[in-house]
Amino acid sequence: MNNETLKGEWNQLKGSVKQKWADLTDDDLTHIDGSRDKLVGRLQERSGRTKEEVEREVDDWRRENDY
């Protein structure tokens, strides 16, 4: 799935994102608006982990859930 598909299906994916990363707020989800880069950025801010670690986690989540 490409980034445009993630953005196009964002409303359906919000619940799954909220389950996976419960520390994200509703405002975060609104800001992210389906952008992989914004998701990675917010998760990096919240966790303090490296961009590479967060990108790997997001990509694994997308693969596991066919997003």
PDB file of N, CA and C in Angstrom:
ATOM      1  N   MET A   1       0.848  -1.173   0.000  1.00  0.00           N
ATOM      2  CA  MET A   1       0.000   0.000   0.000  1.00  0.00           C
ATOM      3  C   MET A   1       0.891   1.232   0.000  1.00  0.00           C
ATOM      4  N   ASN A   2       0.554   2.169  -0.841  1.00  0.00           N
ATOM      5  CA  ASN A   2       1.344   3.392  -0.888  1.00  0.00           C
ATOM      6  C   ASN A   2       0.804   4.430   0.090  1.00  0.00           C
ATOM      7  N   ASN A   3       1.512   5.535   0.214  1.00  0.00           N
ATOM      8  CA  ASN A   3       1.113   6.566   1.172  1.00  0.00           C
ATOM      9  C   ASN A   3      -0.215   7.200   0.814  1.00  0.00           C
ATOM     10  N   GLU A   4      -0.542   7.298  -0.469  1.00  0.00           N
ATOM     11  CA  GLU A   4      -1.823   7.873  -0.870  1.00  0.00           C
ATOM     12  C   GLU A   4      -2.978   6.987  -0.404  1.00  0.00           C
ATOM     13  N   THR A   5      -2.795   5.679  -0.444  1.00  0.00           N
ATOM     14  CA  THR A   5      -3.841   4.778   0.018  1.00  0.00           C
ATOM     15  C   THR A   5      -4.043   4.928   1.520  1.00  0.00           C
ATOM     16  N   LEU A   6      -2.959   5.078   2.261  1.00  0.00           N
ATOM     17  CA  LEU A   6      -3.061   5.291   3.703  1.00  0.00           C
ATOM     18  C   LEU A   6      -3.874   6.547   3.962  1.00  0.00           C
ATOM     19  N   LYS A   7      -3.596   7.611   3.232  1.00  0.00           N
ATOM     20  CA  LYS A   7      -4.318   8.862   3.407  1.00  0.00           C
ATOM     21  C   LYS A   7      -5.781   8.697   3.002  1.00  0.00           C
ATOM     22  N   GLY A   8      -6.037   7.985   1.921  1.00  0.00           N
ATOM     23  CA  GLY A   8      -7.399   7.809   1.435  1.00  0.00           C
ATOM     24  C   GLY A   8      -8.275   7.000   2.374  1.00  0.00           C
ATOM     25  N   GLU A   9      -7.685   6.129   3.155  1.00  0.00           N
ATOM     26  CA  GLU A   9      -8.437   5.274   4.071  1.00  0.00           C
ATOM     27  C   GLU A   9      -8.209   5.659   5.529  1.00  0.00           C
ATOM     28  N   TRP A  10      -7.748   6.858   5.762  1.00  0.00           N
ATOM     29  CA  TRP A  10      -7.362   7.275   7.101  1.00  0.00           C
ATOM     30  C   TRP A  10      -8.489   7.151   8.112  1.00  0.00           C
ATOM     31  N   ASN A  11      -9.698   7.539   7.743  1.00  0.00           N
ATOM     32  CA  ASN A  11     -10.794   7.468   8.714  1.00  0.00           C
ATOM     33  C   ASN A  11     -11.015   6.051   9.217  1.00  0.00           C
ATOM     34  N   GLN A  12     -10.861   5.057   8.343  1.00  0.00           N
ATOM     35  CA  GLN A  12     -11.031   3.673   8.757  1.00  0.00           C
ATOM     36  C   GLN A  12      -9.834   3.181   9.573  1.00  0.00           C
ATOM     37  N   LEU A  13      -8.677   3.752   9.334  1.00  0.00           N
ATOM     38  CA  LEU A  13      -7.452   3.282   9.990  1.00  0.00           C
ATOM     39  C   LEU A  13      -7.224   3.903  11.363  1.00  0.00           C
ATOM     40  N   LYS A  14      -7.884   4.996  11.655  1.00  0.00           N
ATOM     41  CA  LYS A  14      -7.645   5.699  12.922  1.00  0.00           C
ATOM     42  C   LYS A  14      -7.796   4.775  14.133  1.00  0.00           C
ATOM     43  N   GLY A  15      -8.810   3.927  14.129  1.00  0.00           N
ATOM     44  CA  GLY A  15      -9.026   3.025  15.254  1.00  0.00           C
ATOM     45  C   GLY A  15      -7.868   2.078  15.462  1.00  0.00           C
ATOM     46  N   SER A  16      -7.361   1.550  14.370  1.00  0.00           N
ATOM     47  CA  SER A  16      -6.228   0.638  14.455  1.00  0.00           C
ATOM     48  C   SER A  16      -4.976   1.363  14.934  1.00  0.00           C
ATOM     49  N   VAL A  17      -4.776   2.585  14.467  1.00  0.00           N
ATOM     50  CA  VAL A  17      -3.628   3.383  14.901  1.00  0.00           C
ATOM     51  C   VAL A  17      -3.744   3.680  16.394  1.00  0.00           C
ATOM     52  N   LYS A  18      -4.936   4.027  16.829  1.00  0.00           N
ATOM     53  CA  LYS A  18      -5.166   4.352  18.246  1.00  0.00           C
ATOM     54  C   LYS A  18      -4.915   3.119  19.131  1.00  0.00           C
ATOM     55  N   GLN A  19      -5.294   1.931  18.643  1.00  0.00           N
ATOM     56  CA  GLN A  19      -5.034   0.708  19.402  1.00  0.00           C
ATOM     57  C   GLN A  19      -3.540   0.428  19.502  1.00  0.00           C
ATOM     58  N   LYS A  20      -2.845   0.575  18.387  1.00  0.00           N
ATOM     59  CA  LYS A  20      -1.416   0.274  18.338  1.00  0.00           C
ATOM     60  C   LYS A  20      -0.598   1.284  19.139  1.00  0.00           C
ATOM     61  N   TRP A  21      -0.942   2.572  18.998  1.00  0.00           N
ATOM     62  CA  TRP A  21      -0.189   3.638  19.650  1.00  0.00           C
ATOM     63  C   TRP A  21      -1.156   4.467  20.482  1.00  0.00           C
ATOM     64  N   ALA A  22      -1.512   3.954  21.635  1.00  0.00           N
ATOM     65  CA  ALA A  22      -2.539   4.558  22.487  1.00  0.00           C
ATOM     66  C   ALA A  22      -2.145   5.938  23.013  1.00  0.00           C
ATOM     67  N   ASP A  23      -0.867   6.263  22.985  1.00  0.00           N
ATOM     68  CA  ASP A  23      -0.451   7.570  23.498  1.00  0.00           C
ATOM     69  C   ASP A  23      -0.721   8.709  22.519  1.00  0.00           C
ATOM     70  N   LEU A  24      -1.142   8.387  21.302  1.00  0.00           N
ATOM     71  CA  LEU A  24      -1.521   9.434  20.353  1.00  0.00           C
ATOM     72  C   LEU A  24      -2.901   9.969  20.719  1.00  0.00           C
ATOM     73  N   THR A  25      -3.044  11.268  20.678  1.00  0.00           N
ATOM     74  CA  THR A  25      -4.321  11.905  21.008  1.00  0.00           C
ATOM     75  C   THR A  25      -5.181  12.044  19.748  1.00  0.00           C
ATOM     76  N   ASP A  26      -6.432  12.399  19.951  1.00  0.00           N
ATOM     77  CA  ASP A  26      -7.303  12.662  18.807  1.00  0.00           C
ATOM     78  C   ASP A  26      -6.766  13.829  17.984  1.00  0.00           C
ATOM     79  N   ASP A  27      -6.189  14.827  18.643  1.00  0.00           N
ATOM     80  CA  ASP A  27      -5.571  15.944  17.920  1.00  0.00           C
ATOM     81  C   ASP A  27      -4.400  15.464  17.071  1.00  0.00           C
ATOM     82  N   ASP A  28      -3.617  14.523  17.609  1.00  0.00           N
ATOM     83  CA  ASP A  28      -2.521  13.942  16.828  1.00  0.00           C
ATOM     84  C   ASP A  28      -3.060  13.276  15.572  1.00  0.00           C
ATOM     85  N   LEU A  29      -4.122  12.485  15.732  1.00  0.00           N
ATOM     86  CA  LEU A  29      -4.695  11.769  14.594  1.00  0.00           C
ATOM     87  C   LEU A  29      -5.229  12.737  13.552  1.00  0.00           C
ATOM     88  N   THR A  30      -5.811  13.843  13.994  1.00  0.00           N
ATOM     89  CA  THR A  30      -6.295  14.859  13.069  1.00  0.00           C
ATOM     90  C   THR A  30      -5.126  15.496  12.332  1.00  0.00           C
ATOM     91  N   HIS A  31      -4.063  15.791  13.055  1.00  0.00           N
ATOM     92  CA  HIS A  31      -2.872  16.398  12.447  1.00  0.00           C
ATOM     93  C   HIS A  31      -2.225  15.443  11.438  1.00  0.00           C
ATOM     94  N   ILE A  32      -2.134  14.180  11.789  1.00  0.00           N
ATOM     95  CA  ILE A  32      -1.486  13.182  10.927  1.00  0.00           C
ATOM     96  C   ILE A  32      -2.234  13.037   9.608  1.00  0.00           C
ATOM     97  N   ASP A  33      -3.549  12.988   9.674  1.00  0.00           N
ATOM     98  CA  ASP A  33      -4.418  12.966   8.495  1.00  0.00           C
ATOM     99  C   ASP A  33      -3.952  11.993   7.414  1.00  0.00           C
ATOM    100  N   GLY A  34      -3.466  10.828   7.840  1.00  0.00           N
ATOM    101  CA  GLY A  34      -3.101   9.789   6.882  1.00  0.00           C
ATOM    102  C   GLY A  34      -1.699   9.893   6.319  1.00  0.00           C
ATOM    103  N   SER A  35      -0.917  10.840   6.772  1.00  0.00           N
ATOM    104  CA  SER A  35       0.446  11.002   6.272  1.00  0.00           C
ATOM    105  C   SER A  35       1.406  10.108   7.061  1.00  0.00           C
ATOM    106  N   ARG A  36       2.089   9.223   6.364  1.00  0.00           N
ATOM    107  CA  ARG A  36       3.053   8.338   7.019  1.00  0.00           C
ATOM    108  C   ARG A  36       4.137   9.161   7.704  1.00  0.00           C
ATOM    109  N   ASP A  37       4.632  10.186   7.027  1.00  0.00           N
ATOM    110  CA  ASP A  37       5.704  11.009   7.602  1.00  0.00           C
ATOM    111  C   ASP A  37       5.256  11.705   8.881  1.00  0.00           C
ATOM    112  N   LYS A  38       4.030  12.205   8.895  1.00  0.00           N
ATOM    113  CA  LYS A  38       3.517  12.862  10.093  1.00  0.00           C
ATOM    114  C   LYS A  38       3.303  11.853  11.219  1.00  0.00           C
ATOM    115  N   LEU A  39       2.852  10.647  10.871  1.00  0.00           N
ATOM    116  CA  LEU A  39       2.690   9.589  11.869  1.00  0.00           C
ATOM    117  C   LEU A  39       4.038   9.257  12.491  1.00  0.00           C
ATOM    118  N   VAL A  40       5.036   9.076  11.652  1.00  0.00           N
ATOM    119  CA  VAL A  40       6.382   8.770  12.135  1.00  0.00           C
ATOM    120  C   VAL A  40       6.887   9.901  13.032  1.00  0.00           C
ATOM    121  N   GLY A  41       6.685  11.138  12.612  1.00  0.00           N
ATOM    122  CA  GLY A  41       7.140  12.282  13.394  1.00  0.00           C
ATOM    123  C   GLY A  41       6.493  12.352  14.770  1.00  0.00           C
ATOM    124  N   ARG A  42       5.170  12.161  14.815  1.00  0.00           N
ATOM    125  CA  ARG A  42       4.485  12.219  16.114  1.00  0.00           C
ATOM    126  C   ARG A  42       4.917  11.081  17.021  1.00  0.00           C
ATOM    127  N   LEU A  43       5.056   9.886  16.461  1.00  0.00           N
ATOM    128  CA  LEU A  43       5.492   8.750  17.278  1.00  0.00           C
ATOM    129  C   LEU A  43       6.908   8.965  17.786  1.00  0.00           C
ATOM    130  N   GLN A  44       7.742   9.559  16.963  1.00  0.00           N
ATOM    131  CA  GLN A  44       9.117   9.845  17.380  1.00  0.00           C
ATOM    132  C   GLN A  44       9.118  10.866  18.514  1.00  0.00           C
ATOM    133  N   GLU A  45       8.290  11.894  18.417  1.00  0.00           N
ATOM    134  CA  GLU A  45       8.188  12.894  19.484  1.00  0.00           C
ATOM    135  C   GLU A  45       7.740  12.255  20.794  1.00  0.00           C
ATOM    136  N   ARG A  46       6.726  11.399  20.715  1.00  0.00           N
ATOM    137  CA  ARG A  46       6.145  10.805  21.924  1.00  0.00           C
ATOM    138  C   ARG A  46       7.082   9.797  22.587  1.00  0.00           C
ATOM    139  N   SER A  47       7.832   9.049  21.764  1.00  0.00           N
ATOM    140  CA  SER A  47       8.621   7.948  22.319  1.00  0.00           C
ATOM    141  C   SER A  47      10.088   8.288  22.546  1.00  0.00           C
ATOM    142  N   GLY A  48      10.593   9.277  21.832  1.00  0.00           N
ATOM    143  CA  GLY A  48      12.010   9.604  21.953  1.00  0.00           C
ATOM    144  C   GLY A  48      12.923   8.642  21.212  1.00  0.00           C
ATOM    145  N   ARG A  49      12.331   7.763  20.431  1.00  0.00           N
ATOM    146  CA  ARG A  49      13.123   6.801  19.661  1.00  0.00           C
ATOM    147  C   ARG A  49      13.617   7.442  18.359  1.00  0.00           C
ATOM    148  N   THR A  50      14.533   6.758  17.695  1.00  0.00           N
ATOM    149  CA  THR A  50      15.066   7.290  16.442  1.00  0.00           C
ATOM    150  C   THR A  50      14.027   7.174  15.332  1.00  0.00           C
ATOM    151  N   LYS A  51      14.222   8.000  14.311  1.00  0.00           N
ATOM    152  CA  LYS A  51      13.321   7.978  13.166  1.00  0.00           C
ATOM    153  C   LYS A  51      13.320   6.589  12.520  1.00  0.00           C
ATOM    154  N   GLU A  52      14.472   5.984  12.413  1.00  0.00           N
ATOM    155  CA  GLU A  52      14.588   4.666  11.788  1.00  0.00           C
ATOM    156  C   GLU A  52      13.800   3.603  12.552  1.00  0.00           C
ATOM    157  N   GLU A  53      13.887   3.653  13.879  1.00  0.00           N
ATOM    158  CA  GLU A  53      13.135   2.692  14.703  1.00  0.00           C
ATOM    159  C   GLU A  53      11.631   2.853  14.496  1.00  0.00           C
ATOM    160  N   VAL A  54      11.188   4.088  14.512  1.00  0.00           N
ATOM    161  CA  VAL A  54       9.755   4.353  14.366  1.00  0.00           C
ATOM    162  C   VAL A  54       9.288   3.992  12.965  1.00  0.00           C
ATOM    163  N   GLU A  55      10.071   4.324  11.948  1.00  0.00           N
ATOM    164  CA  GLU A  55       9.701   3.977  10.577  1.00  0.00           C
ATOM    165  C   GLU A  55       9.551   2.467  10.424  1.00  0.00           C
ATOM    166  N   ARG A  56      10.477   1.729  11.016  1.00  0.00           N
ATOM    167  CA  ARG A  56      10.417   0.260  10.951  1.00  0.00           C
ATOM    168  C   ARG A  56       9.139  -0.250  11.630  1.00  0.00           C
ATOM    169  N   GLU A  57       8.793   0.330  12.783  1.00  0.00           N
ATOM    170  CA  GLU A  57       7.587  -0.078  13.496  1.00  0.00           C
ATOM    171  C   GLU A  57       6.325   0.228  12.679  1.00  0.00           C
ATOM    172  N   VAL A  58       6.271   1.407  12.084  1.00  0.00           N
ATOM    173  CA  VAL A  58       5.116   1.788  11.264  1.00  0.00           C
ATOM    174  C   VAL A  58       5.006   0.869  10.043  1.00  0.00           C
ATOM    175  N   ASP A  59       6.131   0.608   9.389  1.00  0.00           N
ATOM    176  CA  ASP A  59       6.106  -0.265   8.214  1.00  0.00           C
ATOM    177  C   ASP A  59       5.702  -1.691   8.585  1.00  0.00           C
ATOM    178  N   ASP A  60       6.165  -2.181   9.734  1.00  0.00           N
ATOM    179  CA  ASP A  60       5.757  -3.511  10.199  1.00  0.00           C
ATOM    180  C   ASP A  60       4.255  -3.546  10.461  1.00  0.00           C
ATOM    181  N   TRP A  61       3.730  -2.497  11.111  1.00  0.00           N
ATOM    182  CA  TRP A  61       2.291  -2.407  11.382  1.00  0.00           C
ATOM    183  C   TRP A  61       1.500  -2.410  10.080  1.00  0.00           C
ATOM    184  N   ARG A  62       1.971  -1.658   9.098  1.00  0.00           N
ATOM    185  CA  ARG A  62       1.271  -1.597   7.811  1.00  0.00           C
ATOM    186  C   ARG A  62       1.276  -2.965   7.123  1.00  0.00           C
ATOM    187  N   ARG A  63       2.421  -3.641   7.172  1.00  0.00           N
ATOM    188  CA  ARG A  63       2.516  -4.969   6.542  1.00  0.00           C
ATOM    189  C   ARG A  63       1.610  -5.983   7.256  1.00  0.00           C
ATOM    190  N   GLU A  64       1.647  -5.978   8.583  1.00  0.00           N
ATOM    191  CA  GLU A  64       0.838  -6.922   9.362  1.00  0.00           C
ATOM    192  C   GLU A  64      -0.653  -6.738   9.117  1.00  0.00           C
ATOM    193  N   ASN A  65      -1.060  -5.510   8.842  1.00  0.00           N
ATOM    194  CA  ASN A  65      -2.480  -5.208   8.680  1.00  0.00           C
ATOM    195  C   ASN A  65      -2.881  -4.926   7.240  1.00  0.00           C
ATOM    196  N   ASP A  66      -1.976  -5.186   6.307  1.00  0.00           N
ATOM    197  CA  ASP A  66      -2.235  -4.949   4.876  1.00  0.00           C
ATOM    198  C   ASP A  66      -2.644  -3.518   4.597  1.00  0.00           C
ATOM    199  N   TYR A  67      -1.998  -2.561   5.284  1.00  0.00           N
ATOM    200  CA  TYR A  67      -2.268  -1.147   5.020  1.00  0.00           C
ATOM    201  C   TYR A  67      -1.201  -0.653   4.102  1.00  0.00           C
TER     202      TYR A  67
END
